[in-house]
């Protein structure tokens, strides 16, 4: 059992994380084994994303101290952890957690704050399933190039018919 001093320290640490991190995801990790949690933490750490398991009551107090709008997890029955990071880490964290949850069927995204905006589970999962920026850029360039390359093929075929 945590002492009151330790709880106060944890709430202060959590409120700092909530204040300073624009990207925070809440996940239910009930049923995960310790080696699975370690593997997930390692994958997140490679991308500069933190992972912290906590009590929901302490999270409620931390929300109060941070000044960030609350995210109601009181009705959730399982264990809760947060992932947190800076800048573009929200989409990366969502992808890592979503891929891990597909593999393990034990991890679930509950929602969170991405770039400071509150998002529920369905929006976070939708964001996680989007292709990466590089893939989207390549697809966009392909769309831009396809009419030009089609036109070039038609002109080339016409030139070959004439000759």
C-alpha atoms as a PDB file:
ATOM      1  CA  UNK A   1       0.000   0.000   0.000  1.00  0.00           C
ATOM      2  CA  UNK A   2       1.229   3.457  -0.867  1.00  0.00           C
ATOM      3  CA  UNK A   3       1.933   5.928   1.909  1.00  0.00           C
ATOM      4  CA  UNK A   4       0.307   9.346   1.846  1.00  0.00           C
ATOM      5  CA  UNK A   5       3.658  11.002   1.075  1.00  0.00           C
ATOM      6  CA  UNK A   6       4.240   8.651  -1.870  1.00  0.00           C
ATOM      7  CA  UNK A   7       0.734   9.328  -3.191  1.00  0.00           C
ATOM      8  CA  UNK A   8       1.320  13.090  -2.985  1.00  0.00           C
ATOM      9  CA  UNK A   9       4.602  12.643  -4.867  1.00  0.00           C
ATOM     10  CA  UNK A  10       2.890  10.521  -7.551  1.00  0.00           C
ATOM     11  CA  UNK A  11       0.063  13.050  -7.975  1.00  0.00           C
ATOM     12  CA  UNK A  12       2.605  15.874  -8.373  1.00  0.00           C
ATOM     13  CA  UNK A  13       4.535  13.834 -10.971  1.00  0.00           C
ATOM     14  CA  UNK A  14       1.347  12.928 -12.849  1.00  0.00           C
ATOM     15  CA  UNK A  15       0.085  16.514 -12.853  1.00  0.00           C
ATOM     16  CA  UNK A  16       3.403  17.659 -14.378  1.00  0.00           C
ATOM     17  CA  UNK A  17       3.099  14.977 -17.065  1.00  0.00           C
ATOM     18  CA  UNK A  18      -0.479  16.064 -17.799  1.00  0.00           C
ATOM     19  CA  UNK A  19       0.510  19.749 -17.955  1.00  0.00           C
ATOM     20  CA  UNK A  20       3.579  19.316 -20.148  1.00  0.00           C
ATOM     21  CA  UNK A  21       2.502  16.536 -22.522  1.00  0.00           C
ATOM     22  CA  UNK A  22       0.195  17.443 -25.412  1.00  0.00           C
ATOM     23  CA  UNK A  23      -0.187  13.737 -26.241  1.00  0.00           C
ATOM     24  CA  UNK A  24      -1.603  11.470 -23.558  1.00  0.00           C
ATOM     25  CA  UNK A  25      -3.344   8.164 -24.207  1.00  0.00           C
ATOM     26  CA  UNK A  26      -5.184   6.088 -21.629  1.00  0.00           C
ATOM     27  CA  UNK A  27      -4.980   2.321 -22.040  1.00  0.00           C
ATOM     28  CA  UNK A  28      -6.427  -0.665 -20.231  1.00  0.00           C
ATOM     29  CA  UNK A  29      -3.643  -3.180 -19.729  1.00  0.00           C
ATOM     30  CA  UNK A  30      -5.529  -5.735 -17.601  1.00  0.00           C
ATOM     31  CA  UNK A  31      -4.492  -9.273 -18.432  1.00  0.00           C
ATOM     32  CA  UNK A  32      -1.074  -8.407 -19.862  1.00  0.00           C
ATOM     33  CA  UNK A  33       1.844 -10.376 -18.500  1.00  0.00           C
ATOM     34  CA  UNK A  34       4.933  -8.588 -17.236  1.00  0.00           C
ATOM     35  CA  UNK A  35       7.028  -9.596 -20.273  1.00  0.00           C
ATOM     36  CA  UNK A  36       4.332  -8.207 -22.591  1.00  0.00           C
ATOM     37  CA  UNK A  37       4.271  -4.917 -20.666  1.00  0.00           C
ATOM     38  CA  UNK A  38       8.076  -4.763 -20.842  1.00  0.00           C
ATOM     39  CA  UNK A  39       7.966  -5.353 -24.602  1.00  0.00           C
ATOM     40  CA  UNK A  40       5.361  -2.603 -25.027  1.00  0.00           C
ATOM     41  CA  UNK A  41       7.371  -0.179 -22.876  1.00  0.00           C
ATOM     42  CA  UNK A  42      10.489  -0.908 -24.934  1.00  0.00           C
ATOM     43  CA  UNK A  43       8.644  -0.229 -28.214  1.00  0.00           C
ATOM     44  CA  UNK A  44       7.277   3.041 -26.829  1.00  0.00           C
ATOM     45  CA  UNK A  45      10.622   4.111 -25.365  1.00  0.00           C
ATOM     46  CA  UNK A  46      12.305   3.729 -28.783  1.00  0.00           C
ATOM     47  CA  UNK A  47       9.990   6.499 -30.005  1.00  0.00           C
ATOM     48  CA  UNK A  48      10.490   8.707 -26.928  1.00  0.00           C
ATOM     49  CA  UNK A  49       7.109   7.880 -25.419  1.00  0.00           C
ATOM     50  CA  UNK A  50       6.634   7.259 -21.713  1.00  0.00           C
ATOM     51  CA  UNK A  51       4.380   4.626 -20.132  1.00  0.00           C
ATOM     52  CA  UNK A  52       3.111   4.762 -16.563  1.00  0.00           C
ATOM     53  CA  UNK A  53       0.649   2.475 -14.795  1.00  0.00           C
ATOM     54  CA  UNK A  54      -1.395   4.203 -12.100  1.00  0.00           C
ATOM     55  CA  UNK A  55      -4.438   4.225  -9.885  1.00  0.00           C
ATOM     56  CA  UNK A  56      -7.482   5.949 -11.339  1.00  0.00           C
ATOM     57  CA  UNK A  57      -8.077   7.889  -8.124  1.00  0.00           C
ATOM     58  CA  UNK A  58      -4.563   9.357  -8.279  1.00  0.00           C
ATOM     59  CA  UNK A  59      -5.142  10.273 -11.904  1.00  0.00           C
ATOM     60  CA  UNK A  60      -8.297  12.167 -10.895  1.00  0.00           C
ATOM     61  CA  UNK A  61      -6.346  14.201  -8.333  1.00  0.00           C
ATOM     62  CA  UNK A  62      -3.584  14.855 -10.892  1.00  0.00           C
ATOM     63  CA  UNK A  63      -6.158  16.165 -13.382  1.00  0.00           C
ATOM     64  CA  UNK A  64      -7.378  18.571 -10.729  1.00  0.00           C
ATOM     65  CA  UNK A  65      -3.860  19.896 -10.110  1.00  0.00           C
ATOM     66  CA  UNK A  66      -2.863  20.083 -13.784  1.00  0.00           C
ATOM     67  CA  UNK A  67      -5.656  22.361 -14.926  1.00  0.00           C
ATOM     68  CA  UNK A  68      -6.288  20.109 -17.944  1.00  0.00           C
ATOM     69  CA  UNK A  69      -9.886  19.132 -18.581  1.00  0.00           C
ATOM     70  CA  UNK A  70     -10.761  15.846 -16.895  1.00  0.00           C
ATOM     71  CA  UNK A  71     -11.016  12.571 -18.705  1.00  0.00           C
ATOM     72  CA  UNK A  72     -13.589  10.457 -16.868  1.00  0.00           C
ATOM     73  CA  UNK A  73     -12.262   6.968 -16.204  1.00  0.00           C
ATOM     74  CA  UNK A  74     -14.190   6.386 -12.971  1.00  0.00           C
ATOM     75  CA  UNK A  75     -16.675   4.024 -14.610  1.00  0.00           C
ATOM     76  CA  UNK A  76     -13.905   1.940 -16.169  1.00  0.00           C
ATOM     77  CA  UNK A  77     -13.333  -1.275 -14.191  1.00  0.00           C
ATOM     78  CA  UNK A  78      -9.893  -2.334 -15.476  1.00  0.00           C
ATOM     79  CA  UNK A  79      -6.341  -1.238 -14.831  1.00  0.00           C
ATOM     80  CA  UNK A  80      -5.295   2.048 -16.416  1.00  0.00           C
ATOM     81  CA  UNK A  81      -1.953   3.247 -17.734  1.00  0.00           C
ATOM     82  CA  UNK A  82      -0.987   6.374 -19.612  1.00  0.00           C
ATOM     83  CA  UNK A  83       1.368   6.935 -22.489  1.00  0.00           C
ATOM     84  CA  UNK A  84       2.728  10.425 -22.856  1.00  0.00           C
ATOM     85  CA  UNK A  85       5.007  12.295 -25.172  1.00  0.00           C
ATOM     86  CA  UNK A  86       5.719  15.463 -27.079  1.00  0.00           C
ATOM     87  CA  UNK A  87       4.922  16.806 -30.572  1.00  0.00           C
ATOM     88  CA  UNK A  88       3.995  14.055 -33.059  1.00  0.00           C
ATOM     89  CA  UNK A  89       4.331  11.197 -30.597  1.00  0.00           C
ATOM     90  CA  UNK A  90       0.555  10.888 -30.175  1.00  0.00           C
ATOM     91  CA  UNK A  91      -0.049   9.263 -33.553  1.00  0.00           C
ATOM     92  CA  UNK A  92       3.020   7.055 -33.104  1.00  0.00           C
ATOM     93  CA  UNK A  93       1.864   5.946 -29.646  1.00  0.00           C
ATOM     94  CA  UNK A  94      -1.632   5.261 -30.982  1.00  0.00           C
ATOM     95  CA  UNK A  95      -0.157   3.100 -33.789  1.00  0.00           C
ATOM     96  CA  UNK A  96       2.105   1.145 -31.426  1.00  0.00           C
ATOM     97  CA  UNK A  97      -0.695   0.522 -28.919  1.00  0.00           C
ATOM     98  CA  UNK A  98      -3.236  -0.343 -31.613  1.00  0.00           C
ATOM     99  CA  UNK A  99      -0.840  -2.824 -33.254  1.00  0.00           C
ATOM    100  CA  UNK A 100      -0.026  -4.337 -29.865  1.00  0.00           C
ATOM    101  CA  UNK A 101      -3.723  -4.630 -28.985  1.00  0.00           C
ATOM    102  CA  UNK A 102      -4.440  -6.393 -32.294  1.00  0.00           C
ATOM    103  CA  UNK A 103      -1.678  -8.911 -31.541  1.00  0.00           C
ATOM    104  CA  UNK A 104      -2.478  -9.513 -27.874  1.00  0.00           C
ATOM    105  CA  UNK A 105      -6.243  -8.842 -27.605  1.00  0.00           C
ATOM    106  CA  UNK A 106      -5.585  -7.759 -24.009  1.00  0.00           C
ATOM    107  CA  UNK A 107      -4.635  -4.116 -24.417  1.00  0.00           C
ATOM    108  CA  UNK A 108      -7.366  -1.567 -25.123  1.00  0.00           C
ATOM    109  CA  UNK A 109      -7.232   2.132 -25.937  1.00  0.00           C
ATOM    110  CA  UNK A 110      -9.619   4.140 -23.767  1.00  0.00           C
ATOM    111  CA  UNK A 111      -9.035   7.583 -25.304  1.00  0.00           C
ATOM    112  CA  UNK A 112      -6.833  10.517 -24.508  1.00  0.00           C
ATOM    113  CA  UNK A 113      -5.536  13.914 -25.509  1.00  0.00           C
ATOM    114  CA  UNK A 114      -3.770  14.226 -28.848  1.00  0.00           C
ATOM    115  CA  UNK A 115      -2.162  17.600 -29.602  1.00  0.00           C
ATOM    116  CA  UNK A 116      -4.118  18.928 -26.638  1.00  0.00           C
ATOM    117  CA  UNK A 117      -7.507  17.881 -28.048  1.00  0.00           C
ATOM    118  CA  UNK A 118      -9.638  15.392 -26.117  1.00  0.00           C
ATOM    119  CA  UNK A 119     -10.352  12.273 -28.182  1.00  0.00           C
ATOM    120  CA  UNK A 120     -12.409   9.231 -27.395  1.00  0.00           C
ATOM    121  CA  UNK A 121     -11.445   5.659 -28.265  1.00  0.00           C
ATOM    122  CA  UNK A 122     -12.940   5.527 -31.772  1.00  0.00           C
ATOM    123  CA  UNK A 123     -11.077   8.639 -32.977  1.00  0.00           C
ATOM    124  CA  UNK A 124      -7.776   7.442 -31.520  1.00  0.00           C
ATOM    125  CA  UNK A 125      -8.159   4.022 -33.187  1.00  0.00           C
ATOM    126  CA  UNK A 126      -9.056   5.719 -36.490  1.00  0.00           C
ATOM    127  CA  UNK A 127      -5.925   7.866 -36.215  1.00  0.00           C
ATOM    128  CA  UNK A 128      -3.831   4.790 -35.408  1.00  0.00           C
ATOM    129  CA  UNK A 129      -5.025   3.050 -38.567  1.00  0.00           C
ATOM    130  CA  UNK A 130      -4.003   5.890 -40.894  1.00  0.00           C
ATOM    131  CA  UNK A 131      -0.902   5.246 -43.008  1.00  0.00           C
ATOM    132  CA  UNK A 132       2.318   7.001 -42.050  1.00  0.00           C
ATOM    133  CA  UNK A 133       3.137  10.483 -43.343  1.00  0.00           C
ATOM    134  CA  UNK A 134       5.609   9.056 -45.869  1.00  0.00           C
ATOM    135  CA  UNK A 135       3.016   6.648 -47.286  1.00  0.00           C
ATOM    136  CA  UNK A 136       0.390   9.399 -47.501  1.00  0.00           C
ATOM    137  CA  UNK A 137       2.887  11.684 -49.283  1.00  0.00           C
ATOM    138  CA  UNK A 138       3.750   8.930 -51.768  1.00  0.00           C
ATOM    139  CA  UNK A 139       0.052   8.235 -52.428  1.00  0.00           C
ATOM    140  CA  UNK A 140      -0.622  11.938 -52.967  1.00  0.00           C
ATOM    141  CA  UNK A 141       2.293  12.289 -55.387  1.00  0.00           C
ATOM    142  CA  UNK A 142       1.077   9.210 -57.264  1.00  0.00           C
ATOM    143  CA  UNK A 143      -2.338  10.844 -57.638  1.00  0.00           C
ATOM    144  CA  UNK A 144      -0.736  14.010 -58.957  1.00  0.00           C
ATOM    145  CA  UNK A 145       1.478  12.122 -61.396  1.00  0.00           C
ATOM    146  CA  UNK A 146      -1.096   9.667 -62.773  1.00  0.00           C
ATOM    147  CA  UNK A 147      -2.893  12.123 -65.124  1.00  0.00           C
ATOM    148  CA  UNK A 148       0.433  13.397 -66.475  1.00  0.00           C
ATOM    149  CA  UNK A 149       1.846   9.911 -67.037  1.00  0.00           C
ATOM    150  CA  UNK A 150      -1.435   8.808 -68.659  1.00  0.00           C
ATOM    151  CA  UNK A 151      -1.280  11.777 -70.993  1.00  0.00           C
ATOM    152  CA  UNK A 152       2.365  10.984 -71.830  1.00  0.00           C
ATOM    153  CA  UNK A 153       1.424   7.379 -72.714  1.00  0.00           C
ATOM    154  CA  UNK A 154      -1.389   8.564 -75.008  1.00  0.00           C
ATOM    155  CA  UNK A 155       0.901  11.046 -76.759  1.00  0.00           C
ATOM    156  CA  UNK A 156       3.566   8.356 -77.140  1.00  0.00           C
ATOM    157  CA  UNK A 157       1.030   5.898 -78.600  1.00  0.00           C
ATOM    158  CA  UNK A 158      -0.228   8.547 -81.016  1.00  0.00           C
ATOM    159  CA  UNK A 159       3.339   9.317 -82.111  1.00  0.00           C
ATOM    160  CA  UNK A 160       4.030   5.638 -82.758  1.00  0.00           C
ATOM    161  CA  UNK A 161       0.812   5.317 -84.856  1.00  0.00           C
ATOM    162  CA  UNK A 162       1.726   8.298 -87.010  1.00  0.00           C
ATOM    163  CA  UNK A 163       5.170   6.951 -87.817  1.00  0.00           C
END
